[in-house]
Amino acid sequence: MSPLRPWTGVRAVVLDVDGTVIDSADGIVAGFRHALASVDVTLPDDGTLRSDLGPPLGTLLPSFGVPPERLDEAVDAYRTYYLHHGLHRATPYDGVVDVLTALTGRMPLGTATAKRTDTARATLEAHGLATFFDVVNGLADDHPSKAATLAQTLELLGGINPQAAVMVGDRRSDIVAGQSVGTRTVGVLWGYGSRAELEDARADVLLERPRQLLELLGG
């Protein structure tokens, strides 16, 4: 990949968590299995469970066959399992800690993730990453979409102008959220989304390695 032209005027960086900061696939898939078994749904094959790790549980679990009347039960089963077991099966991507360390103090950092805020915080704390973030934010009843979560994160970071912020993520939903809110968008190729998915979403920049985020931000 050719050298990146550094962006100017960036005042804040917001990152997705799963597939961007940490590789959490094993714990998520184990949570899916536990949730489906808890409501007597036949388990899909491993490839199906791993095929789309980005959407909120309320969207994803029905696609695996969870009936509407048992969705709340399955969601609760997943969340309980993940908080006690699944989150410990994640690992930070190589190079991400170095990038977060380098950015700390230069500009505020936040998250916009499809995890609930308490789950996101617990996951980052379990891996020693929470202290890098000025704001840990995820889906909630008052901001149930990725775009709404991103917008709230920018407010919690001090009312950052979206044009001065960057949204970093590995899936189409991250790029679309950034575009909806008005941030610049970075698609990362080390996560769960494909190059084709991120190109189709029209991410402003695609990165192959975490270190390139520092290059993009001028250092």
C-alpha atoms as a PDB file:
ATOM      1  CA  MET A   1       0.000   0.000   0.000  1.00  0.00           C
ATOM      2  CA  SER A   2       1.342   3.442  -0.897  1.00  0.00           C
ATOM      3  CA  PRO A   3       2.082   5.964   1.850  1.00  0.00           C
ATOM      4  CA  LEU A   4      -0.995   7.638   3.292  1.00  0.00           C
ATOM      5  CA  ARG A   5      -1.518  11.356   3.024  1.00  0.00           C
ATOM      6  CA  PRO A   6      -2.033  12.532   6.629  1.00  0.00           C
ATOM      7  CA  TRP A   7      -5.388  14.029   7.521  1.00  0.00           C
ATOM      8  CA  THR A   8      -5.485  17.435   9.180  1.00  0.00           C
ATOM      9  CA  GLY A   9      -7.984  18.895  11.599  1.00  0.00           C
ATOM     10  CA  VAL A  10      -8.787  15.640  13.408  1.00  0.00           C
ATOM     11  CA  ARG A  11      -9.811  16.304  17.008  1.00  0.00           C
ATOM     12  CA  ALA A  12     -11.173  12.903  18.072  1.00  0.00           C
ATOM     13  CA  VAL A  13     -11.098   9.237  17.053  1.00  0.00           C
ATOM     14  CA  VAL A  14     -13.972   6.829  17.679  1.00  0.00           C
ATOM     15  CA  LEU A  15     -13.431   3.104  17.257  1.00  0.00           C
ATOM     16  CA  ASP A  16     -15.615   0.066  16.929  1.00  0.00           C
ATOM     17  CA  VAL A  17     -14.595  -2.677  19.386  1.00  0.00           C
ATOM     18  CA  ASP A  18     -15.191  -6.170  17.958  1.00  0.00           C
ATOM     19  CA  GLY A  19     -13.097  -6.725  14.858  1.00  0.00           C
ATOM     20  CA  THR A  20     -11.300  -3.393  15.249  1.00  0.00           C
ATOM     21  CA  VAL A  21      -9.724  -3.209  18.711  1.00  0.00           C
ATOM     22  CA  ILE A  22     -10.095  -6.850  19.740  1.00  0.00           C
ATOM     23  CA  ASP A  23     -10.561 -10.208  18.053  1.00  0.00           C
ATOM     24  CA  SER A  24     -13.556 -11.458  20.010  1.00  0.00           C
ATOM     25  CA  ALA A  25     -14.994 -13.972  17.533  1.00  0.00           C
ATOM     26  CA  ASP A  26     -14.454 -17.097  19.657  1.00  0.00           C
ATOM     27  CA  GLY A  27     -16.244 -15.666  22.678  1.00  0.00           C
ATOM     28  CA  ILE A  28     -19.080 -14.221  20.603  1.00  0.00           C
ATOM     29  CA  VAL A  29     -19.684 -17.496  18.776  1.00  0.00           C
ATOM     30  CA  ALA A  30     -19.618 -19.411  22.062  1.00  0.00           C
ATOM     31  CA  GLY A  31     -22.225 -16.950  23.329  1.00  0.00           C
ATOM     32  CA  PHE A  32     -24.381 -17.576  20.271  1.00  0.00           C
ATOM     33  CA  ARG A  33     -24.239 -21.323  20.906  1.00  0.00           C
ATOM     34  CA  HIS A  34     -25.205 -20.852  24.545  1.00  0.00           C
ATOM     35  CA  ALA A  35     -28.067 -18.492  23.667  1.00  0.00           C
ATOM     36  CA  LEU A  36     -29.518 -20.757  20.989  1.00  0.00           C
ATOM     37  CA  ALA A  37     -29.279 -23.850  23.185  1.00  0.00           C
ATOM     38  CA  SER A  38     -31.032 -21.985  26.006  1.00  0.00           C
ATOM     39  CA  VAL A  39     -34.142 -21.519  23.816  1.00  0.00           C
ATOM     40  CA  ASP A  40     -33.970 -24.954  22.158  1.00  0.00           C
ATOM     41  CA  VAL A  41     -32.964 -23.705  18.712  1.00  0.00           C
ATOM     42  CA  THR A  42     -30.963 -26.112  16.552  1.00  0.00           C
ATOM     43  CA  LEU A  43     -27.394 -24.836  16.262  1.00  0.00           C
ATOM     44  CA  PRO A  44     -26.270 -23.708  12.810  1.00  0.00           C
ATOM     45  CA  ASP A  45     -22.833 -24.778  11.626  1.00  0.00           C
ATOM     46  CA  ASP A  46     -19.792 -22.831  12.793  1.00  0.00           C
ATOM     47  CA  GLY A  47     -19.433 -21.033   9.473  1.00  0.00           C
ATOM     48  CA  THR A  48     -22.950 -19.644   9.752  1.00  0.00           C
ATOM     49  CA  LEU A  49     -22.376 -18.482  13.320  1.00  0.00           C
ATOM     50  CA  ARG A  50     -19.189 -16.699  12.266  1.00  0.00           C
ATOM     51  CA  SER A  51     -20.543 -15.224   9.037  1.00  0.00           C
ATOM     52  CA  ASP A  52     -21.820 -11.943  10.458  1.00  0.00           C
ATOM     53  CA  LEU A  53     -20.563 -10.783  13.853  1.00  0.00           C
ATOM     54  CA  GLY A  54     -21.536  -7.136  13.566  1.00  0.00           C
ATOM     55  CA  PRO A  55     -25.314  -6.672  13.953  1.00  0.00           C
ATOM     56  CA  PRO A  56     -27.064  -6.177  17.309  1.00  0.00           C
ATOM     57  CA  LEU A  57     -28.347  -9.337  19.010  1.00  0.00           C
ATOM     58  CA  GLY A  58     -31.956  -8.344  18.406  1.00  0.00           C
ATOM     59  CA  THR A  59     -31.295  -8.532  14.681  1.00  0.00           C
ATOM     60  CA  LEU A  60     -28.838 -11.417  14.571  1.00  0.00           C
ATOM     61  CA  LEU A  61     -30.407 -14.038  16.839  1.00  0.00           C
ATOM     62  CA  PRO A  62     -33.704 -14.178  14.881  1.00  0.00           C
ATOM     63  CA  SER A  63     -31.658 -14.884  11.746  1.00  0.00           C
ATOM     64  CA  PHE A  64     -30.423 -18.046  13.517  1.00  0.00           C
ATOM     65  CA  GLY A  65     -33.984 -19.167  14.150  1.00  0.00           C
ATOM     66  CA  VAL A  66     -34.853 -17.655  17.540  1.00  0.00           C
ATOM     67  CA  PRO A  67     -38.652 -17.063  17.600  1.00  0.00           C
ATOM     68  CA  PRO A  68     -39.889 -13.591  18.604  1.00  0.00           C
ATOM     69  CA  GLU A  69     -41.497 -14.825  21.812  1.00  0.00           C
ATOM     70  CA  ARG A  70     -38.155 -16.183  23.073  1.00  0.00           C
ATOM     71  CA  LEU A  71     -35.856 -13.446  21.800  1.00  0.00           C
ATOM     72  CA  ASP A  72     -35.530 -11.623  25.134  1.00  0.00           C
ATOM     73  CA  GLU A  73     -34.669 -14.904  26.842  1.00  0.00           C
ATOM     74  CA  ALA A  74     -31.981 -15.689  24.244  1.00  0.00           C
ATOM     75  CA  VAL A  75     -30.514 -12.187  24.459  1.00  0.00           C
ATOM     76  CA  ASP A  76     -30.302 -12.417  28.255  1.00  0.00           C
ATOM     77  CA  ALA A  77     -28.654 -15.839  28.014  1.00  0.00           C
ATOM     78  CA  TYR A  78     -26.065 -14.513  25.592  1.00  0.00           C
ATOM     79  CA  ARG A  79     -25.256 -11.456  27.677  1.00  0.00           C
ATOM     80  CA  THR A  80     -24.915 -13.437  30.903  1.00  0.00           C
ATOM     81  CA  TYR A  81     -22.618 -15.961  29.241  1.00  0.00           C
ATOM     82  CA  TYR A  82     -20.532 -13.305  27.519  1.00  0.00           C
ATOM     83  CA  LEU A  83     -19.992 -11.231  30.653  1.00  0.00           C
ATOM     84  CA  HIS A  84     -18.867 -14.250  32.671  1.00  0.00           C
ATOM     85  CA  HIS A  85     -17.026 -16.272  30.050  1.00  0.00           C
ATOM     86  CA  GLY A  86     -17.021 -15.001  26.470  1.00  0.00           C
ATOM     87  CA  LEU A  87     -15.217 -11.717  26.966  1.00  0.00           C
ATOM     88  CA  HIS A  88     -12.176 -13.539  28.349  1.00  0.00           C
ATOM     89  CA  ARG A  89     -11.728 -15.325  25.013  1.00  0.00           C
ATOM     90  CA  ALA A  90     -10.881 -12.094  23.175  1.00  0.00           C
ATOM     91  CA  THR A  91      -7.422 -10.733  22.359  1.00  0.00           C
ATOM     92  CA  PRO A  92      -6.298  -7.289  21.176  1.00  0.00           C
ATOM     93  CA  TYR A  93      -5.145  -7.247  17.570  1.00  0.00           C
ATOM     94  CA  ASP A  94      -1.388  -7.028  17.077  1.00  0.00           C
ATOM     95  CA  GLY A  95      -0.329  -3.393  17.052  1.00  0.00           C
ATOM     96  CA  VAL A  96      -3.546  -1.951  18.445  1.00  0.00           C
ATOM     97  CA  VAL A  97      -2.186  -1.337  21.942  1.00  0.00           C
ATOM     98  CA  ASP A  98       0.782   0.539  20.475  1.00  0.00           C
ATOM     99  CA  VAL A  99      -1.573   2.731  18.452  1.00  0.00           C
ATOM    100  CA  LEU A 100      -3.830   3.471  21.417  1.00  0.00           C
ATOM    101  CA  THR A 101      -0.785   4.285  23.530  1.00  0.00           C
ATOM    102  CA  ALA A 102       0.524   6.696  20.910  1.00  0.00           C
ATOM    103  CA  LEU A 103      -2.852   8.437  20.506  1.00  0.00           C
ATOM    104  CA  THR A 104      -3.524   8.810  24.230  1.00  0.00           C
ATOM    105  CA  GLY A 105      -2.934  12.429  25.161  1.00  0.00           C
ATOM    106  CA  ARG A 106      -2.901  13.593  21.550  1.00  0.00           C
ATOM    107  CA  MET A 107      -6.677  13.527  21.110  1.00  0.00           C
ATOM    108  CA  PRO A 108      -9.691  12.046  22.897  1.00  0.00           C
ATOM    109  CA  LEU A 109     -10.651   8.471  22.067  1.00  0.00           C
ATOM    110  CA  GLY A 110     -14.085   6.903  22.252  1.00  0.00           C
ATOM    111  CA  THR A 111     -15.971   3.803  21.193  1.00  0.00           C
ATOM    112  CA  ALA A 112     -19.150   3.270  19.198  1.00  0.00           C
ATOM    113  CA  THR A 113     -19.936  -0.429  19.346  1.00  0.00           C
ATOM    114  CA  ALA A 114     -22.912  -2.741  18.903  1.00  0.00           C
ATOM    115  CA  LYS A 115     -22.160  -4.101  22.373  1.00  0.00           C
ATOM    116  CA  ARG A 116     -24.097  -2.613  25.260  1.00  0.00           C
ATOM    117  CA  THR A 117     -22.042  -0.028  27.089  1.00  0.00           C
ATOM    118  CA  ASP A 118     -21.629  -2.156  30.220  1.00  0.00           C
ATOM    119  CA  THR A 119     -20.487  -5.132  28.142  1.00  0.00           C
ATOM    120  CA  ALA A 120     -18.079  -3.010  26.122  1.00  0.00           C
ATOM    121  CA  ARG A 121     -16.575  -1.531  29.282  1.00  0.00           C
ATOM    122  CA  ALA A 122     -16.245  -4.951  30.947  1.00  0.00           C
ATOM    123  CA  THR A 123     -14.576  -6.366  27.836  1.00  0.00           C
ATOM    124  CA  LEU A 124     -12.075  -3.540  27.520  1.00  0.00           C
ATOM    125  CA  GLU A 125     -11.339  -3.643  31.260  1.00  0.00           C
ATOM    126  CA  ALA A 126     -10.726  -7.391  31.111  1.00  0.00           C
ATOM    127  CA  HIS A 127      -7.957  -6.803  28.581  1.00  0.00           C
ATOM    128  CA  GLY A 128      -6.452  -3.674  30.132  1.00  0.00           C
ATOM    129  CA  LEU A 129      -7.725  -1.384  27.386  1.00  0.00           C
ATOM    130  CA  ALA A 130     -10.418   0.714  29.079  1.00  0.00           C
ATOM    131  CA  THR A 131      -7.974   3.337  30.341  1.00  0.00           C
ATOM    132  CA  PHE A 132      -7.125   4.344  26.774  1.00  0.00           C
ATOM    133  CA  PHE A 133     -10.656   5.588  26.137  1.00  0.00           C
ATOM    134  CA  ASP A 134     -12.129   8.845  27.363  1.00  0.00           C
ATOM    135  CA  VAL A 135     -15.608   7.515  26.541  1.00  0.00           C
ATOM    136  CA  VAL A 136     -16.750   3.894  26.302  1.00  0.00           C
ATOM    137  CA  ASN A 137     -20.148   3.873  24.624  1.00  0.00           C
ATOM    138  CA  GLY A 138     -22.343   1.206  23.065  1.00  0.00           C
ATOM    139  CA  LEU A 139     -25.932   0.534  22.109  1.00  0.00           C
ATOM    140  CA  ALA A 140     -28.646   1.509  24.585  1.00  0.00           C
ATOM    141  CA  ASP A 141     -32.387   2.123  24.572  1.00  0.00           C
ATOM    142  CA  ASP A 142     -31.905   5.836  23.911  1.00  0.00           C
ATOM    143  CA  HIS A 143     -29.363   5.255  21.113  1.00  0.00           C
ATOM    144  CA  PRO A 144     -30.189   1.865  19.604  1.00  0.00           C
ATOM    145  CA  SER A 145     -28.327   2.284  16.303  1.00  0.00           C
ATOM    146  CA  LYS A 146     -24.620   2.539  15.536  1.00  0.00           C
ATOM    147  CA  ALA A 147     -25.122   6.037  14.082  1.00  0.00           C
ATOM    148  CA  ALA A 148     -26.989   7.255  17.176  1.00  0.00           C
ATOM    149  CA  THR A 149     -24.308   5.729  19.392  1.00  0.00           C
ATOM    150  CA  LEU A 150     -21.560   7.470  17.437  1.00  0.00           C
ATOM    151  CA  ALA A 151     -23.372  10.796  17.663  1.00  0.00           C
ATOM    152  CA  GLN A 152     -23.714  10.402  21.428  1.00  0.00           C
ATOM    153  CA  THR A 153     -20.057   9.448  21.778  1.00  0.00           C
ATOM    154  CA  LEU A 154     -19.051  12.698  20.082  1.00  0.00           C
ATOM    155  CA  GLU A 155     -21.287  14.615  22.480  1.00  0.00           C
ATOM    156  CA  LEU A 156     -19.790  12.811  25.474  1.00  0.00           C
ATOM    157  CA  LEU A 157     -16.296  13.624  24.202  1.00  0.00           C
ATOM    158  CA  GLY A 158     -17.139  17.304  24.579  1.00  0.00           C
ATOM    159  CA  GLY A 159     -19.380  18.095  21.655  1.00  0.00           C
ATOM    160  CA  ILE A 160     -16.847  17.281  18.949  1.00  0.00           C
ATOM    161  CA  ASN A 161     -17.839  18.534  15.494  1.00  0.00           C
ATOM    162  CA  PRO A 162     -18.355  15.397  13.385  1.00  0.00           C
ATOM    163  CA  GLN A 163     -16.264  16.907  10.604  1.00  0.00           C
ATOM    164  CA  ALA A 164     -13.317  16.908  13.006  1.00  0.00           C
ATOM    165  CA  ALA A 165     -13.812  13.269  14.031  1.00  0.00           C
ATOM    166  CA  VAL A 166     -12.907   9.895  12.552  1.00  0.00           C
ATOM    167  CA  MET A 167     -14.948   6.683  12.820  1.00  0.00           C
ATOM    168  CA  VAL A 168     -12.810   3.528  12.610  1.00  0.00           C
ATOM    169  CA  GLY A 169     -14.362   0.106  12.073  1.00  0.00           C
ATOM    170  CA  ASP A 170     -14.271  -3.178  10.228  1.00  0.00           C
ATOM    171  CA  ARG A 171     -17.864  -3.481   8.970  1.00  0.00           C
ATOM    172  CA  ARG A 172     -20.225  -1.661   6.666  1.00  0.00           C
ATOM    173  CA  SER A 173     -22.310  -0.570   9.663  1.00  0.00           C
ATOM    174  CA  ASP A 174     -19.343   1.400  11.028  1.00  0.00           C
ATOM    175  CA  ILE A 175     -18.783   3.221   7.754  1.00  0.00           C
ATOM    176  CA  VAL A 176     -22.469   3.965   7.246  1.00  0.00           C
ATOM    177  CA  ALA A 177     -22.710   5.281  10.813  1.00  0.00           C
ATOM    178  CA  GLY A 178     -19.818   7.653  10.217  1.00  0.00           C
ATOM    179  CA  GLN A 179     -21.318   8.853   6.954  1.00  0.00           C
ATOM    180  CA  SER A 180     -24.713   9.380   8.595  1.00  0.00           C
ATOM    181  CA  VAL A 181     -23.216  11.461  11.388  1.00  0.00           C
ATOM    182  CA  GLY A 182     -20.753  13.309   9.150  1.00  0.00           C
ATOM    183  CA  THR A 183     -17.350  12.002  10.283  1.00  0.00           C
ATOM    184  CA  ARG A 184     -14.490  10.823   8.149  1.00  0.00           C
ATOM    185  CA  THR A 185     -14.437   7.038   7.913  1.00  0.00           C
ATOM    186  CA  VAL A 186     -11.681   4.424   8.135  1.00  0.00           C
ATOM    187  CA  GLY A 187     -12.260   0.797   7.224  1.00  0.00           C
ATOM    188  CA  VAL A 188      -9.848  -1.725   8.746  1.00  0.00           C
ATOM    189  CA  LEU A 189      -8.984  -4.932   6.932  1.00  0.00           C
ATOM    190  CA  TRP A 190      -7.766  -6.967   9.932  1.00  0.00           C
ATOM    191  CA  GLY A 191     -11.290  -7.499  11.300  1.00  0.00           C
ATOM    192  CA  TYR A 192     -14.380  -9.407  10.198  1.00  0.00           C
ATOM    193  CA  GLY A 193     -15.459  -7.363   7.187  1.00  0.00           C
ATOM    194  CA  SER A 194     -14.058  -7.919   3.708  1.00  0.00           C
ATOM    195  CA  ARG A 195     -12.331  -5.424   1.456  1.00  0.00           C
ATOM    196  CA  ALA A 196     -15.295  -5.665  -0.919  1.00  0.00           C
ATOM    197  CA  GLU A 197     -17.749  -4.844   1.892  1.00  0.00           C
ATOM    198  CA  LEU A 198     -15.789  -1.787   2.986  1.00  0.00           C
ATOM    199  CA  GLU A 199     -15.162  -0.583  -0.555  1.00  0.00           C
ATOM    200  CA  ASP A 200     -18.864  -0.963  -1.331  1.00  0.00           C
ATOM    201  CA  ALA A 201     -19.644   1.112   1.773  1.00  0.00           C
ATOM    202  CA  ARG A 202     -17.270   3.804   0.387  1.00  0.00           C
ATOM    203  CA  ALA A 203     -14.976   4.139   3.388  1.00  0.00           C
ATOM    204  CA  ASP A 204     -12.723   7.156   2.961  1.00  0.00           C
ATOM    205  CA  VAL A 205      -9.601   5.068   3.621  1.00  0.00           C
ATOM    206  CA  LEU A 206      -8.859   1.364   4.034  1.00  0.00           C
ATOM    207  CA  LEU A 207      -6.044   0.281   6.361  1.00  0.00           C
ATOM    208  CA  GLU A 208      -4.244  -3.052   6.333  1.00  0.00           C
ATOM    209  CA  ARG A 209      -2.397  -2.636   9.645  1.00  0.00           C
ATOM    210  CA  PRO A 210      -3.176  -0.746  12.869  1.00  0.00           C
ATOM    211  CA  ARG A 211       0.056   1.256  12.639  1.00  0.00           C
ATOM    212  CA  GLN A 212      -1.290   2.942   9.504  1.00  0.00           C
ATOM    213  CA  LEU A 213      -3.860   4.781  11.627  1.00  0.00           C
ATOM    214  CA  LEU A 214      -0.997   6.753  13.182  1.00  0.00           C
ATOM    215  CA  GLU A 215       0.378   7.480   9.725  1.00  0.00           C
ATOM    216  CA  LEU A 216      -3.052   8.735   8.649  1.00  0.00           C
ATOM    217  CA  LEU A 217      -3.265  10.980  11.708  1.00  0.00           C
ATOM    218  CA  GLY A 218       0.145  12.494  11.118  1.00  0.00           C
ATOM    219  CA  GLY A 219       2.381  10.509  13.417  1.00  0.00           C
END
